[in-house]
Amino acid sequence: MNSQKEAKQQPLSIEQLNDLIVDSIQDIKGKNIVKLDLRHLDDAPTEFFIICEGESNTQVKAISDNIYKRVKDEAGLLPSHYEGQQNAFWILLDYFEIVVHVFYRDTRSFYELEDLWSDAIFTEYQNL
């Protein structure tokens, strides 16, 4: 039955997938959501980074679980790489063209990922 459902799904554009991921983050009240467009950078490892944070390890895990579930259910996609769930300080979901970073607030400020990719085109989303 699942294979029939997946076969009927239309592939999402990269922008639709970005929107689905951001909406999944906002469902769980993720904070300080930023999309970094890296397509114009020669040395970029992917096309987009989506970065957000949670206020607790439990919220970080819930955000990443919601992204995983909704992208699987609504787009029929699984991440090629998914790590960090055990401690939930920094969970990464790699969808090839889009890499999602879900941080615990203190971990995000320590790594300053946005500063490392400051040449990217930034899109900030409102906290809900």
N, C-alpha and C. Protein backbone atom coordinates (compact mmCIF):
# COMPACT_ATOMS: atom_id res chain seq x y z
N MET A 1 0.83 -1.20 0.00
CA MET A 1 0.00 0.00 0.00
C MET A 1 0.87 1.25 0.00
N ASN A 2 1.93 1.29 0.80
CA ASN A 2 2.81 2.45 0.83
C ASN A 2 3.46 2.70 -0.51
N SER A 3 3.84 1.64 -1.21
CA SER A 3 4.50 1.84 -2.51
C SER A 3 3.55 2.49 -3.50
N GLN A 4 2.25 2.16 -3.43
CA GLN A 4 1.27 2.80 -4.31
C GLN A 4 1.13 4.27 -3.97
N LYS A 5 1.11 4.59 -2.68
CA LYS A 5 1.01 5.99 -2.25
C LYS A 5 2.22 6.77 -2.73
N GLU A 6 3.42 6.19 -2.57
CA GLU A 6 4.63 6.87 -3.00
C GLU A 6 4.66 7.05 -4.51
N ALA A 7 4.15 6.08 -5.24
CA ALA A 7 4.17 6.16 -6.70
C ALA A 7 3.28 7.30 -7.21
N LYS A 8 2.24 7.64 -6.47
CA LYS A 8 1.32 8.69 -6.89
C LYS A 8 1.82 10.09 -6.54
N GLN A 9 2.80 10.19 -5.64
CA GLN A 9 3.29 11.50 -5.22
C GLN A 9 4.06 12.16 -6.35
N GLN A 10 3.80 13.44 -6.52
CA GLN A 10 4.56 14.22 -7.49
C GLN A 10 5.82 14.72 -6.80
N PRO A 11 6.96 14.66 -7.49
CA PRO A 11 8.18 15.17 -6.85
C PRO A 11 8.05 16.66 -6.57
N LEU A 12 8.57 17.06 -5.42
CA LEU A 12 8.55 18.46 -5.04
C LEU A 12 9.74 19.18 -5.66
N SER A 13 9.53 20.44 -6.01
CA SER A 13 10.66 21.27 -6.43
C SER A 13 11.51 21.54 -5.19
N ILE A 14 12.72 22.02 -5.42
CA ILE A 14 13.61 22.31 -4.28
C ILE A 14 13.01 23.42 -3.41
N GLU A 15 12.33 24.37 -4.02
CA GLU A 15 11.69 25.44 -3.23
C GLU A 15 10.53 24.89 -2.40
N GLN A 16 9.76 23.97 -2.97
CA GLN A 16 8.66 23.36 -2.21
C GLN A 16 9.20 22.52 -1.06
N LEU A 17 10.30 21.83 -1.29
CA LEU A 17 10.91 21.04 -0.23
C LEU A 17 11.45 21.95 0.88
N ASN A 18 12.08 23.07 0.50
CA ASN A 18 12.52 24.06 1.49
C ASN A 18 11.34 24.53 2.33
N ASP A 19 10.23 24.86 1.66
CA ASP A 19 9.04 25.34 2.37
C ASP A 19 8.47 24.28 3.32
N LEU A 20 8.47 23.03 2.87
CA LEU A 20 7.98 21.93 3.71
C LEU A 20 8.85 21.78 4.95
N ILE A 21 10.15 21.87 4.79
CA ILE A 21 11.07 21.75 5.93
C ILE A 21 10.87 22.90 6.91
N VAL A 22 10.78 24.12 6.39
CA VAL A 22 10.57 25.28 7.27
C VAL A 22 9.24 25.15 8.01
N ASP A 23 8.20 24.72 7.31
CA ASP A 23 6.89 24.54 7.94
C ASP A 23 6.96 23.46 9.03
N SER A 24 7.73 22.41 8.77
CA SER A 24 7.91 21.34 9.76
C SER A 24 8.59 21.85 11.02
N ILE A 25 9.55 22.76 10.83
CA ILE A 25 10.24 23.37 11.98
C ILE A 25 9.27 24.25 12.76
N GLN A 26 8.49 25.05 12.04
CA GLN A 26 7.55 25.96 12.69
C GLN A 26 6.44 25.20 13.43
N ASP A 27 6.08 24.00 12.96
CA ASP A 27 5.09 23.16 13.65
C ASP A 27 5.48 22.92 15.11
N ILE A 28 6.77 22.77 15.36
CA ILE A 28 7.28 22.43 16.70
C ILE A 28 7.88 23.67 17.37
N LYS A 29 7.57 24.83 16.83
CA LYS A 29 8.01 26.11 17.41
C LYS A 29 9.52 26.28 17.43
N GLY A 30 10.20 25.77 16.39
CA GLY A 30 11.63 26.01 16.25
C GLY A 30 11.89 27.50 16.11
N LYS A 31 13.01 27.95 16.60
CA LYS A 31 13.33 29.38 16.66
C LYS A 31 14.45 29.74 15.70
N ASN A 32 14.50 31.03 15.35
CA ASN A 32 15.59 31.62 14.57
C ASN A 32 15.93 30.79 13.33
N ILE A 33 14.91 30.57 12.51
CA ILE A 33 15.07 29.76 11.29
C ILE A 33 15.71 30.62 10.21
N VAL A 34 16.74 30.08 9.60
CA VAL A 34 17.46 30.77 8.53
C VAL A 34 17.70 29.78 7.39
N LYS A 35 17.44 30.23 6.18
CA LYS A 35 17.79 29.44 4.99
C LYS A 35 18.97 30.12 4.32
N LEU A 36 20.03 29.36 4.08
CA LEU A 36 21.21 29.88 3.40
C LEU A 36 21.24 29.30 1.99
N ASP A 37 21.17 30.18 1.00
CA ASP A 37 21.26 29.77 -0.40
C ASP A 37 22.73 29.77 -0.78
N LEU A 38 23.28 28.60 -1.03
CA LEU A 38 24.70 28.44 -1.32
C LEU A 38 24.96 28.19 -2.81
N ARG A 39 23.94 28.26 -3.64
CA ARG A 39 24.08 27.87 -5.05
C ARG A 39 25.10 28.70 -5.82
N HIS A 40 25.35 29.92 -5.42
CA HIS A 40 26.30 30.76 -6.15
C HIS A 40 27.74 30.61 -5.66
N LEU A 41 27.95 29.78 -4.65
CA LEU A 41 29.29 29.59 -4.09
C LEU A 41 29.94 28.34 -4.71
N ASP A 42 31.15 28.49 -5.20
CA ASP A 42 31.84 27.38 -5.88
C ASP A 42 32.17 26.22 -4.95
N ASP A 43 32.49 26.50 -3.71
CA ASP A 43 32.96 25.45 -2.81
C ASP A 43 31.86 24.92 -1.87
N ALA A 44 30.61 25.21 -2.17
CA ALA A 44 29.52 24.81 -1.29
C ALA A 44 29.27 23.30 -1.37
N PRO A 45 29.02 22.67 -0.23
CA PRO A 45 28.77 21.23 -0.22
C PRO A 45 27.35 20.84 -0.62
N THR A 46 26.47 21.81 -0.72
CA THR A 46 25.07 21.58 -1.04
C THR A 46 24.47 22.87 -1.59
N GLU A 47 23.21 22.85 -1.98
CA GLU A 47 22.57 24.05 -2.51
C GLU A 47 22.00 24.94 -1.40
N PHE A 48 21.46 24.31 -0.35
CA PHE A 48 20.85 25.08 0.74
C PHE A 48 21.21 24.47 2.09
N PHE A 49 21.39 25.33 3.08
CA PHE A 49 21.38 24.96 4.49
C PHE A 49 20.12 25.57 5.07
N ILE A 50 19.42 24.82 5.89
CA ILE A 50 18.35 25.37 6.71
C ILE A 50 18.78 25.14 8.15
N ILE A 51 18.84 26.22 8.92
CA ILE A 51 19.35 26.18 10.28
C ILE A 51 18.27 26.70 11.22
N CYS A 52 18.10 26.01 12.34
CA CYS A 52 17.15 26.48 13.36
C CYS A 52 17.65 26.01 14.72
N GLU A 53 16.91 26.39 15.74
CA GLU A 53 17.30 25.97 17.09
C GLU A 53 16.07 25.67 17.92
N GLY A 54 16.31 24.84 18.92
CA GLY A 54 15.30 24.53 19.92
C GLY A 54 15.80 24.96 21.28
N GLU A 55 14.88 25.09 22.21
CA GLU A 55 15.23 25.58 23.55
C GLU A 55 15.58 24.45 24.51
N SER A 56 15.44 23.22 24.08
CA SER A 56 15.81 22.06 24.90
C SER A 56 16.19 20.92 23.97
N ASN A 57 16.87 19.94 24.53
CA ASN A 57 17.23 18.76 23.73
C ASN A 57 15.97 18.03 23.26
N THR A 58 14.95 18.03 24.10
CA THR A 58 13.69 17.39 23.73
C THR A 58 13.06 18.08 22.54
N GLN A 59 13.08 19.42 22.52
CA GLN A 59 12.52 20.16 21.40
C GLN A 59 13.35 19.97 20.14
N VAL A 60 14.67 19.95 20.26
CA VAL A 60 15.55 19.71 19.11
C VAL A 60 15.21 18.37 18.47
N LYS A 61 15.06 17.34 19.30
CA LYS A 61 14.71 16.01 18.80
C LYS A 61 13.33 16.01 18.16
N ALA A 62 12.37 16.69 18.77
CA ALA A 62 11.01 16.74 18.23
C ALA A 62 10.99 17.45 16.88
N ILE A 63 11.76 18.52 16.74
CA ILE A 63 11.84 19.24 15.45
C ILE A 63 12.39 18.32 14.38
N SER A 64 13.50 17.66 14.67
CA SER A 64 14.11 16.80 13.65
C SER A 64 13.20 15.61 13.32
N ASP A 65 12.54 15.05 14.32
CA ASP A 65 11.60 13.95 14.06
C ASP A 65 10.45 14.41 13.17
N ASN A 66 9.97 15.63 13.40
CA ASN A 66 8.86 16.15 12.59
C ASN A 66 9.30 16.39 11.15
N ILE A 67 10.50 16.93 10.96
CA ILE A 67 11.02 17.12 9.60
C ILE A 67 11.11 15.76 8.90
N TYR A 68 11.73 14.80 9.57
CA TYR A 68 11.90 13.46 9.01
C TYR A 68 10.55 12.88 8.58
N LYS A 69 9.58 12.92 9.49
CA LYS A 69 8.26 12.33 9.24
C LYS A 69 7.52 13.03 8.11
N ARG A 70 7.47 14.35 8.16
CA ARG A 70 6.70 15.08 7.13
C ARG A 70 7.33 14.97 5.76
N VAL A 71 8.65 15.06 5.67
CA VAL A 71 9.30 14.94 4.36
C VAL A 71 9.10 13.53 3.81
N LYS A 72 9.17 12.53 4.69
CA LYS A 72 8.92 11.15 4.26
C LYS A 72 7.48 10.98 3.79
N ASP A 73 6.52 11.44 4.59
CA ASP A 73 5.11 11.26 4.28
C ASP A 73 4.63 12.11 3.11
N GLU A 74 5.08 13.36 3.03
CA GLU A 74 4.55 14.30 2.04
C GLU A 74 5.37 14.37 0.76
N ALA A 75 6.64 14.02 0.83
CA ALA A 75 7.50 14.09 -0.36
C ALA A 75 8.08 12.73 -0.75
N GLY A 76 7.90 11.74 0.12
CA GLY A 76 8.43 10.42 -0.18
C GLY A 76 9.95 10.35 -0.15
N LEU A 77 10.58 11.25 0.62
CA LEU A 77 12.05 11.30 0.67
C LEU A 77 12.55 10.95 2.06
N LEU A 78 13.67 10.23 2.08
CA LEU A 78 14.39 9.97 3.33
C LEU A 78 15.74 10.66 3.23
N PRO A 79 16.26 11.13 4.36
CA PRO A 79 17.58 11.76 4.30
C PRO A 79 18.65 10.73 3.95
N SER A 80 19.66 11.17 3.21
CA SER A 80 20.77 10.27 2.90
C SER A 80 21.65 10.08 4.13
N HIS A 81 21.59 11.03 5.03
CA HIS A 81 22.37 10.97 6.27
C HIS A 81 21.56 11.66 7.36
N TYR A 82 21.55 11.07 8.54
CA TYR A 82 20.75 11.58 9.66
C TYR A 82 21.54 11.27 10.92
N GLU A 83 22.05 12.30 11.60
CA GLU A 83 22.89 12.04 12.77
C GLU A 83 22.66 13.05 13.88
N GLY A 84 23.05 12.66 15.09
CA GLY A 84 22.98 13.54 16.25
C GLY A 84 21.77 13.35 17.12
N GLN A 85 20.92 12.36 16.80
CA GLN A 85 19.67 12.19 17.54
C GLN A 85 19.89 11.79 19.00
N GLN A 86 20.97 11.11 19.29
CA GLN A 86 21.15 10.58 20.64
C GLN A 86 21.28 11.68 21.69
N ASN A 87 22.16 12.65 21.46
CA ASN A 87 22.34 13.74 22.44
C ASN A 87 21.48 14.95 22.13
N ALA A 88 21.08 15.10 20.88
CA ALA A 88 20.19 16.18 20.43
C ALA A 88 20.73 17.57 20.73
N PHE A 89 22.04 17.75 20.59
CA PHE A 89 22.62 19.09 20.64
C PHE A 89 22.71 19.69 19.24
N TRP A 90 22.93 18.83 18.25
CA TRP A 90 23.02 19.26 16.85
C TRP A 90 22.61 18.07 16.01
N ILE A 91 21.43 18.14 15.43
CA ILE A 91 20.94 17.05 14.58
C ILE A 91 21.00 17.52 13.13
N LEU A 92 21.54 16.66 12.30
CA LEU A 92 21.72 16.98 10.89
C LEU A 92 20.90 16.01 10.06
N LEU A 93 20.14 16.56 9.10
CA LEU A 93 19.41 15.76 8.12
C LEU A 93 19.88 16.20 6.74
N ASP A 94 20.42 15.26 5.98
CA ASP A 94 21.00 15.57 4.67
C ASP A 94 20.09 15.04 3.57
N TYR A 95 19.47 15.96 2.83
CA TYR A 95 18.61 15.62 1.71
C TYR A 95 19.30 15.95 0.38
N PHE A 96 20.60 15.80 0.31
CA PHE A 96 21.45 16.09 -0.85
C PHE A 96 21.48 17.58 -1.18
N GLU A 97 20.42 18.12 -1.79
CA GLU A 97 20.41 19.53 -2.16
C GLU A 97 20.18 20.44 -0.97
N ILE A 98 19.60 19.88 0.09
CA ILE A 98 19.28 20.65 1.30
C ILE A 98 19.83 19.90 2.51
N VAL A 99 20.60 20.61 3.33
CA VAL A 99 21.08 20.03 4.58
C VAL A 99 20.47 20.85 5.71
N VAL A 100 19.78 20.15 6.61
CA VAL A 100 19.08 20.80 7.71
C VAL A 100 19.90 20.61 8.99
N HIS A 101 20.13 21.72 9.70
CA HIS A 101 20.85 21.70 10.97
C HIS A 101 19.88 22.16 12.06
N VAL A 102 19.58 21.27 12.99
CA VAL A 102 18.71 21.60 14.11
C VAL A 102 19.59 21.63 15.35
N PHE A 103 19.76 22.82 15.91
CA PHE A 103 20.69 23.03 17.02
C PHE A 103 19.96 23.25 18.34
N TYR A 104 20.59 22.84 19.41
CA TYR A 104 20.28 23.36 20.74
C TYR A 104 20.89 24.76 20.77
N ARG A 105 20.21 25.72 21.35
CA ARG A 105 20.59 27.13 21.28
C ARG A 105 22.07 27.37 21.60
N ASP A 106 22.57 26.85 22.70
CA ASP A 106 23.98 27.09 23.08
C ASP A 106 24.96 26.47 22.09
N THR A 107 24.61 25.33 21.54
CA THR A 107 25.47 24.67 20.56
C THR A 107 25.55 25.50 19.29
N ARG A 108 24.43 26.07 18.89
CA ARG A 108 24.41 26.91 17.68
C ARG A 108 25.34 28.11 17.83
N SER A 109 25.27 28.78 18.99
CA SER A 109 26.15 29.95 19.17
C SER A 109 27.61 29.56 19.25
N PHE A 110 27.91 28.35 19.72
CA PHE A 110 29.30 27.90 19.79
C PHE A 110 29.88 27.67 18.38
N TYR A 111 29.13 27.01 17.52
CA TYR A 111 29.65 26.66 16.20
C TYR A 111 29.55 27.79 15.17
N GLU A 112 28.61 28.72 15.35
CA GLU A 112 28.46 29.88 14.48
C GLU A 112 28.50 29.51 13.00
N LEU A 113 27.69 28.54 12.63
CA LEU A 113 27.66 28.04 11.26
C LEU A 113 27.35 29.14 10.24
N GLU A 114 26.46 30.05 10.62
CA GLU A 114 26.12 31.15 9.69
C GLU A 114 27.33 32.01 9.37
N ASP A 115 28.22 32.21 10.34
CA ASP A 115 29.42 33.00 10.10
C ASP A 115 30.37 32.30 9.13
N LEU A 116 30.43 30.97 9.21
CA LEU A 116 31.28 30.21 8.28
C LEU A 116 30.82 30.34 6.83
N TRP A 117 29.53 30.51 6.64
CA TRP A 117 28.95 30.63 5.29
C TRP A 117 28.33 32.02 5.10
N SER A 118 29.01 33.05 5.56
CA SER A 118 28.47 34.41 5.51
C SER A 118 28.30 34.94 4.08
N ASP A 119 28.91 34.30 3.09
CA ASP A 119 28.74 34.71 1.69
C ASP A 119 27.43 34.21 1.09
N ALA A 120 26.72 33.38 1.81
CA ALA A 120 25.45 32.84 1.32
C ALA A 120 24.39 33.93 1.29
N ILE A 121 23.31 33.65 0.58
CA ILE A 121 22.15 34.53 0.56
C ILE A 121 21.23 34.05 1.68
N PHE A 122 20.98 34.91 2.66
CA PHE A 122 20.21 34.55 3.85
C PHE A 122 18.73 34.89 3.70
N THR A 123 17.87 33.99 4.13
CA THR A 123 16.45 34.25 4.27
C THR A 123 16.08 33.88 5.69
N GLU A 124 15.55 34.84 6.44
CA GLU A 124 15.16 34.60 7.82
C GLU A 124 13.64 34.43 7.88
N TYR A 125 13.20 33.55 8.78
CA TYR A 125 11.79 33.27 8.95
C TYR A 125 11.36 33.68 10.35
N GLN A 126 10.10 34.10 10.46
CA GLN A 126 9.58 34.56 11.75
C GLN A 126 9.42 33.40 12.71
N ASN A 127 9.64 33.69 13.97
CA ASN A 127 9.30 32.72 15.02
C ASN A 127 7.80 32.74 15.22
N LEU A 128 7.21 31.58 15.29
CA LEU A 128 5.76 31.52 15.49
C LEU A 128 5.42 31.26 16.94
